[in-house]
C-alpha atoms as a PDB file:
ATOM      1  CA  UNK A   1     -78.637   7.401 -83.701  1.00  0.00           C
ATOM      2  CA  UNK A   2     -76.099   5.456 -81.463  1.00  0.00           C
ATOM      3  CA  UNK A   3     -75.296   6.704 -77.245  1.00  0.00           C
ATOM      4  CA  UNK A   4     -72.479   8.920 -76.515  1.00  0.00           C
ATOM      5  CA  UNK A   5     -70.701   5.960 -74.716  1.00  0.00           C
ATOM      6  CA  UNK A   6     -71.713   3.241 -77.593  1.00  0.00           C
ATOM      7  CA  UNK A   7     -69.203   5.839 -79.641  1.00  0.00           C
ATOM      8  CA  UNK A   8     -66.229   6.502 -77.292  1.00  0.00           C
ATOM      9  CA  UNK A   9     -66.133   2.488 -76.858  1.00  0.00           C
ATOM     10  CA  UNK A  10     -66.206   2.837 -80.641  1.00  0.00           C
ATOM     11  CA  UNK A  11     -63.021   4.708 -80.987  1.00  0.00           C
ATOM     12  CA  UNK A  12     -61.484   2.514 -78.357  1.00  0.00           C
ATOM     13  CA  UNK A  13     -62.310  -0.502 -80.388  1.00  0.00           C
ATOM     14  CA  UNK A  14     -61.291   1.318 -83.399  1.00  0.00           C
ATOM     15  CA  UNK A  15     -57.697   2.467 -82.299  1.00  0.00           C
ATOM     16  CA  UNK A  16     -57.242  -1.555 -80.969  1.00  0.00           C
ATOM     17  CA  UNK A  17     -57.889  -2.597 -84.075  1.00  0.00           C
ATOM     18  CA  UNK A  18     -55.073  -0.086 -86.315  1.00  0.00           C
ATOM     19  CA  UNK A  19     -53.025  -0.931 -83.609  1.00  0.00           C
ATOM     20  CA  UNK A  20     -52.964  -4.856 -84.038  1.00  0.00           C
ATOM     21  CA  UNK A  21     -52.817  -4.439 -88.040  1.00  0.00           C
ATOM     22  CA  UNK A  22     -50.046  -2.266 -87.400  1.00  0.00           C
ATOM     23  CA  UNK A  23     -48.636  -4.789 -85.563  1.00  0.00           C
ATOM     24  CA  UNK A  24     -49.464  -8.066 -87.820  1.00  0.00           C
ATOM     25  CA  UNK A  25     -48.127  -5.748 -90.543  1.00  0.00           C
ATOM     26  CA  UNK A  26     -44.892  -5.471 -88.599  1.00  0.00           C
ATOM     27  CA  UNK A  27     -44.550  -8.857 -88.390  1.00  0.00           C
ATOM     28  CA  UNK A  28     -45.611  -9.860 -92.005  1.00  0.00           C
ATOM     29  CA  UNK A  29     -43.122  -7.442 -93.096  1.00  0.00           C
ATOM     30  CA  UNK A  30     -40.132  -8.590 -91.028  1.00  0.00           C
ATOM     31  CA  UNK A  31     -40.896 -12.467 -92.132  1.00  0.00           C
ATOM     32  CA  UNK A  32     -40.518 -10.875 -96.192  1.00  0.00           C
ATOM     33  CA  UNK A  33     -37.500  -9.432 -95.777  1.00  0.00           C
ATOM     34  CA  UNK A  34     -35.759 -12.267 -93.167  1.00  0.00           C
ATOM     35  CA  UNK A  35     -37.274 -15.026 -95.406  1.00  0.00           C
ATOM     36  CA  UNK A  36     -38.846 -16.639 -92.726  1.00  0.00           C
ATOM     37  CA  UNK A  37     -42.167 -18.125 -92.797  1.00  0.00           C
ATOM     38  CA  UNK A  38     -42.538 -19.979 -89.773  1.00  0.00           C
ATOM     39  CA  UNK A  39     -40.952 -18.805 -86.018  1.00  0.00           C
ATOM     40  CA  UNK A  40     -38.363 -16.412 -85.727  1.00  0.00           C
ATOM     41  CA  UNK A  41     -35.470 -18.122 -86.273  1.00  0.00           C
ATOM     42  CA  UNK A  42     -32.570 -16.208 -85.393  1.00  0.00           C
ATOM     43  CA  UNK A  43     -33.594 -12.812 -86.900  1.00  0.00           C
ATOM     44  CA  UNK A  44     -34.116 -10.492 -83.431  1.00  0.00           C
ATOM     45  CA  UNK A  45     -35.821  -7.918 -85.422  1.00  0.00           C
ATOM     46  CA  UNK A  46     -38.350 -10.429 -86.452  1.00  0.00           C
ATOM     47  CA  UNK A  47     -38.799 -12.522 -83.683  1.00  0.00           C
ATOM     48  CA  UNK A  48     -39.544  -8.921 -81.652  1.00  0.00           C
ATOM     49  CA  UNK A  49     -41.862  -7.935 -83.737  1.00  0.00           C
ATOM     50  CA  UNK A  50     -43.167 -11.397 -83.649  1.00  0.00           C
ATOM     51  CA  UNK A  51     -43.229 -10.877 -79.264  1.00  0.00           C
ATOM     52  CA  UNK A  52     -45.382  -7.438 -79.300  1.00  0.00           C
ATOM     53  CA  UNK A  53     -47.663  -8.644 -81.950  1.00  0.00           C
ATOM     54  CA  UNK A  54     -48.379 -11.897 -79.551  1.00  0.00           C
ATOM     55  CA  UNK A  55     -48.477  -9.841 -76.302  1.00  0.00           C
ATOM     56  CA  UNK A  56     -50.933  -6.972 -77.491  1.00  0.00           C
ATOM     57  CA  UNK A  57     -53.117  -9.936 -78.919  1.00  0.00           C
ATOM     58  CA  UNK A  58     -53.097 -11.320 -75.503  1.00  0.00           C
ATOM     59  CA  UNK A  59     -54.366  -8.372 -73.086  1.00  0.00           C
ATOM     60  CA  UNK A  60     -56.269  -5.652 -75.761  1.00  0.00           C
ATOM     61  CA  UNK A  61     -59.280  -8.581 -76.552  1.00  0.00           C
ATOM     62  CA  UNK A  62     -60.150  -8.676 -72.883  1.00  0.00           C
ATOM     63  CA  UNK A  63     -59.862  -4.934 -72.403  1.00  0.00           C
ATOM     64  CA  UNK A  64     -62.321  -4.106 -75.077  1.00  0.00           C
ATOM     65  CA  UNK A  65     -64.376  -6.373 -74.146  1.00  0.00           C
ATOM     66  CA  UNK A  66     -64.267  -4.446 -70.125  1.00  0.00           C
ATOM     67  CA  UNK A  67     -65.316  -0.834 -72.300  1.00  0.00           C
ATOM     68  CA  UNK A  68     -67.857  -3.030 -74.088  1.00  0.00           C
ATOM     69  CA  UNK A  69     -69.481  -3.940 -70.492  1.00  0.00           C
ATOM     70  CA  UNK A  70     -68.822  -0.999 -68.674  1.00  0.00           C
ATOM     71  CA  UNK A  71     -71.026   0.859 -71.769  1.00  0.00           C
ATOM     72  CA  UNK A  72     -73.917  -1.393 -71.365  1.00  0.00           C
ATOM     73  CA  UNK A  73     -73.740  -0.890 -67.736  1.00  0.00           C
ATOM     74  CA  UNK A  74     -74.755   2.182 -68.322  1.00  0.00           C
ATOM     75  CA  UNK A  75     -70.869   3.432 -66.857  1.00  0.00           C
ATOM     76  CA  UNK A  76     -69.492   7.019 -66.021  1.00  0.00           C
ATOM     77  CA  UNK A  77     -68.266   8.322 -69.509  1.00  0.00           C
ATOM     78  CA  UNK A  78     -65.085   9.009 -67.273  1.00  0.00           C
ATOM     79  CA  UNK A  79     -64.398   5.190 -66.524  1.00  0.00           C
ATOM     80  CA  UNK A  80     -64.290   4.540 -70.064  1.00  0.00           C
ATOM     81  CA  UNK A  81     -62.643   6.943 -70.900  1.00  0.00           C
ATOM     82  CA  UNK A  82     -59.861   5.944 -67.916  1.00  0.00           C
ATOM     83  CA  UNK A  83     -60.393   2.759 -68.963  1.00  0.00           C
ATOM     84  CA  UNK A  84     -59.928   3.334 -72.747  1.00  0.00           C
ATOM     85  CA  UNK A  85     -57.069   5.579 -72.822  1.00  0.00           C
ATOM     86  CA  UNK A  86     -55.227   3.202 -70.002  1.00  0.00           C
ATOM     87  CA  UNK A  87     -55.898   0.279 -72.403  1.00  0.00           C
ATOM     88  CA  UNK A  88     -54.677   2.108 -75.345  1.00  0.00           C
ATOM     89  CA  UNK A  89     -51.742   4.163 -74.174  1.00  0.00           C
ATOM     90  CA  UNK A  90     -50.409   0.866 -72.451  1.00  0.00           C
ATOM     91  CA  UNK A  91     -50.600  -0.921 -75.957  1.00  0.00           C
ATOM     92  CA  UNK A  92     -48.963   1.416 -77.794  1.00  0.00           C
ATOM     93  CA  UNK A  93     -46.196   2.053 -75.266  1.00  0.00           C
ATOM     94  CA  UNK A  94     -45.864  -1.657 -74.681  1.00  0.00           C
ATOM     95  CA  UNK A  95     -45.168  -2.316 -78.603  1.00  0.00           C
ATOM     96  CA  UNK A  96     -42.288   0.487 -78.547  1.00  0.00           C
ATOM     97  CA  UNK A  97     -41.148  -1.195 -75.213  1.00  0.00           C
ATOM     98  CA  UNK A  98     -40.763  -4.492 -77.141  1.00  0.00           C
ATOM     99  CA  UNK A  99     -39.529  -3.598 -80.572  1.00  0.00           C
ATOM    100  CA  UNK A 100     -36.740  -2.066 -78.956  1.00  0.00           C
ATOM    101  CA  UNK A 101     -35.542  -4.822 -77.159  1.00  0.00           C
ATOM    102  CA  UNK A 102     -37.844  -8.323 -76.423  1.00  0.00           C
ATOM    103  CA  UNK A 103     -35.206  -9.855 -74.087  1.00  0.00           C
ATOM    104  CA  UNK A 104     -34.727  -6.937 -71.297  1.00  0.00           C
ATOM    105  CA  UNK A 105     -36.987  -4.632 -70.010  1.00  0.00           C
ATOM    106  CA  UNK A 106     -37.151  -1.620 -71.425  1.00  0.00           C
ATOM    107  CA  UNK A 107     -38.870   1.661 -69.690  1.00  0.00           C
ATOM    108  CA  UNK A 108     -41.710   2.221 -72.354  1.00  0.00           C
ATOM    109  CA  UNK A 109     -42.222  -1.696 -71.752  1.00  0.00           C
ATOM    110  CA  UNK A 110     -43.038  -1.709 -67.777  1.00  0.00           C
ATOM    111  CA  UNK A 111     -45.074   1.600 -68.205  1.00  0.00           C
ATOM    112  CA  UNK A 112     -47.057  -0.149 -71.107  1.00  0.00           C
ATOM    113  CA  UNK A 113     -47.731  -3.005 -68.773  1.00  0.00           C
ATOM    114  CA  UNK A 114     -48.974  -1.047 -65.837  1.00  0.00           C
ATOM    115  CA  UNK A 115     -51.109   1.311 -68.324  1.00  0.00           C
ATOM    116  CA  UNK A 116     -52.442  -1.761 -69.487  1.00  0.00           C
ATOM    117  CA  UNK A 117     -52.854  -3.425 -66.237  1.00  0.00           C
ATOM    118  CA  UNK A 118     -54.556  -0.058 -64.905  1.00  0.00           C
ATOM    119  CA  UNK A 119     -56.768  -0.152 -67.876  1.00  0.00           C
ATOM    120  CA  UNK A 120     -58.028  -3.397 -66.890  1.00  0.00           C
ATOM    121  CA  UNK A 121     -58.143  -3.058 -63.403  1.00  0.00           C
ATOM    122  CA  UNK A 122     -60.534   0.226 -63.166  1.00  0.00           C
ATOM    123  CA  UNK A 123     -62.120  -1.525 -66.127  1.00  0.00           C
ATOM    124  CA  UNK A 124     -63.237  -4.471 -63.792  1.00  0.00           C
ATOM    125  CA  UNK A 125     -63.609  -2.800 -60.616  1.00  0.00           C
ATOM    126  CA  UNK A 126     -66.078  -0.539 -62.485  1.00  0.00           C
ATOM    127  CA  UNK A 127     -67.854  -3.342 -63.619  1.00  0.00           C
ATOM    128  CA  UNK A 128     -68.536  -5.123 -60.731  1.00  0.00           C
ATOM    129  CA  UNK A 129     -69.974  -1.241 -59.648  1.00  0.00           C
ATOM    130  CA  UNK A 130     -72.113  -1.118 -62.138  1.00  0.00           C
ATOM    131  CA  UNK A 131     -73.420  -4.687 -61.823  1.00  0.00           C
ATOM    132  CA  UNK A 132     -74.003  -4.288 -58.123  1.00  0.00           C
ATOM    133  CA  UNK A 133     -74.719  -0.887 -57.724  1.00  0.00           C
END
Protein backbone atom coordinates (compact mmCIF):
# COMPACT_ATOMS: atom_id res chain seq x y z
CA UNK A 1 0.00 0.00 0.00
CA UNK A 2 1.17 3.53 -0.74
CA UNK A 3 2.37 5.84 1.98
CA UNK A 4 -0.40 8.23 3.11
CA UNK A 5 1.58 11.33 2.10
CA UNK A 6 2.12 9.92 -1.38
CA UNK A 7 -1.62 9.35 -1.75
CA UNK A 8 -2.25 12.97 -0.76
CA UNK A 9 0.35 14.17 -3.27
CA UNK A 10 -1.47 12.00 -5.83
CA UNK A 11 -4.71 13.82 -5.08
CA UNK A 12 -3.11 17.23 -5.73
CA UNK A 13 -1.36 15.97 -8.86
CA UNK A 14 -4.64 14.51 -10.13
CA UNK A 15 -6.62 17.68 -9.43
CA UNK A 16 -4.02 19.86 -11.12
CA UNK A 17 -3.86 17.55 -14.15
CA UNK A 18 -7.64 17.88 -14.51
CA UNK A 19 -7.45 21.66 -14.14
CA UNK A 20 -4.83 21.77 -16.89
CA UNK A 21 -6.88 19.50 -19.15
CA UNK A 22 -9.96 21.69 -18.62
CA UNK A 23 -7.98 24.83 -19.50
CA UNK A 24 -6.53 23.12 -22.60
CA UNK A 25 -10.05 22.11 -23.66
CA UNK A 26 -11.21 25.72 -23.32
CA UNK A 27 -8.42 26.85 -25.66
CA UNK A 28 -9.35 24.20 -28.23
CA UNK A 29 -13.07 24.97 -27.99
CA UNK A 30 -12.38 28.66 -28.51
CA UNK A 31 -10.12 27.88 -31.47
CA UNK A 32 -12.92 25.94 -33.13
CA UNK A 33 -15.49 28.64 -32.29
CA UNK A 34 -13.32 31.46 -33.66
CA UNK A 35 -11.72 29.43 -36.47
CA UNK A 36 -8.27 30.62 -35.35
CA UNK A 37 -5.93 27.63 -35.29
CA UNK A 38 -2.64 29.45 -34.62
CA UNK A 39 -2.14 32.33 -32.22
CA UNK A 40 -5.21 34.13 -30.91
CA UNK A 41 -6.02 36.58 -33.68
CA UNK A 42 -8.27 39.37 -32.44
CA UNK A 43 -10.49 37.04 -30.43
CA UNK A 44 -10.60 38.18 -26.79
CA UNK A 45 -12.14 34.97 -25.43
CA UNK A 46 -9.50 32.85 -27.16
CA UNK A 47 -6.76 35.14 -25.88
CA UNK A 48 -8.06 34.89 -22.30
CA UNK A 49 -8.40 31.10 -22.45
CA UNK A 50 -4.94 30.80 -23.99
CA UNK A 51 -3.32 32.97 -21.30
CA UNK A 52 -5.06 31.04 -18.51
CA UNK A 53 -3.69 27.77 -19.89
CA UNK A 54 -0.18 29.10 -20.54
CA UNK A 55 0.23 30.58 -17.07
CA UNK A 56 -1.09 27.37 -15.49
CA UNK A 57 1.50 25.37 -17.41
CA UNK A 58 4.22 27.76 -16.22
CA UNK A 59 3.46 27.48 -12.50
CA UNK A 60 1.87 24.09 -11.83
CA UNK A 61 4.76 21.70 -12.63
CA UNK A 62 7.21 23.32 -10.21
CA UNK A 63 4.58 23.35 -7.48
CA UNK A 64 3.87 19.67 -8.00
CA UNK A 65 7.58 18.87 -7.98
CA UNK A 66 7.71 20.61 -4.61
CA UNK A 67 4.92 18.35 -3.30
CA UNK A 68 6.69 15.21 -4.51
CA UNK A 69 9.94 16.41 -2.92
CA UNK A 70 8.10 17.01 0.37
CA UNK A 71 6.85 13.44 0.28
CA UNK A 72 10.31 12.10 -0.48
CA UNK A 73 11.72 14.11 2.43
CA UNK A 74 9.08 12.64 4.78
CA UNK A 75 7.51 16.04 5.37
CA UNK A 76 4.59 16.61 7.69
CA UNK A 77 1.30 15.79 5.97
CA UNK A 78 0.04 19.21 7.10
CA UNK A 79 2.81 20.98 5.18
CA UNK A 80 1.93 18.95 2.08
CA UNK A 81 -1.73 19.93 2.50
CA UNK A 82 -0.93 23.62 2.99
CA UNK A 83 1.27 23.74 -0.11
CA UNK A 84 -1.13 21.58 -2.15
CA UNK A 85 -4.26 23.51 -1.23
CA UNK A 86 -2.58 26.86 -1.87
CA UNK A 87 -1.31 25.69 -5.25
CA UNK A 88 -4.58 24.09 -6.36
CA UNK A 89 -6.95 26.83 -5.17
CA UNK A 90 -4.52 29.45 -6.44
CA UNK A 91 -4.45 27.90 -9.91
CA UNK A 92 -8.26 27.73 -10.03
CA UNK A 93 -8.73 31.35 -8.92
CA UNK A 94 -6.01 32.61 -11.25
CA UNK A 95 -7.62 30.82 -14.22
CA UNK A 96 -11.01 32.31 -13.32
CA UNK A 97 -9.49 35.78 -13.11
CA UNK A 98 -7.63 35.46 -16.40
CA UNK A 99 -10.73 34.07 -18.09
CA UNK A 100 -12.67 37.18 -17.06
CA UNK A 101 -10.10 39.63 -18.39
CA UNK A 102 -6.50 38.83 -19.28
CA UNK A 103 -5.40 42.39 -19.91
CA UNK A 104 -6.37 43.77 -16.47
CA UNK A 105 -5.93 42.51 -12.93
CA UNK A 106 -9.01 41.00 -11.29
CA UNK A 107 -9.44 39.97 -7.62
CA UNK A 108 -9.49 36.21 -8.40
CA UNK A 109 -6.34 36.60 -10.49
CA UNK A 110 -4.53 38.50 -7.73
CA UNK A 111 -5.62 36.10 -4.97
CA UNK A 112 -4.76 33.13 -7.20
CA UNK A 113 -1.27 34.50 -7.81
CA UNK A 114 -0.68 35.10 -4.11
CA UNK A 115 -1.92 31.60 -3.19
CA UNK A 116 0.21 29.97 -5.89
CA UNK A 117 3.30 31.82 -4.69
CA UNK A 118 2.44 31.01 -1.07
CA UNK A 119 2.17 27.32 -1.93
CA UNK A 120 5.55 27.43 -3.63
CA UNK A 121 7.07 29.40 -0.75
CA UNK A 122 5.79 26.89 1.82
CA UNK A 123 7.04 23.96 -0.27
CA UNK A 124 10.42 25.61 -0.87
CA UNK A 125 11.07 26.48 2.77
CA UNK A 126 9.80 23.08 3.94
CA UNK A 127 12.02 21.27 1.44
CA UNK A 128 15.03 23.14 2.76
CA UNK A 129 14.01 22.49 6.36
CA UNK A 130 13.43 18.75 5.90
CA UNK A 131 16.56 18.34 3.76
CA UNK A 132 18.80 19.94 6.37
CA UNK A 133 17.20 18.51 9.51
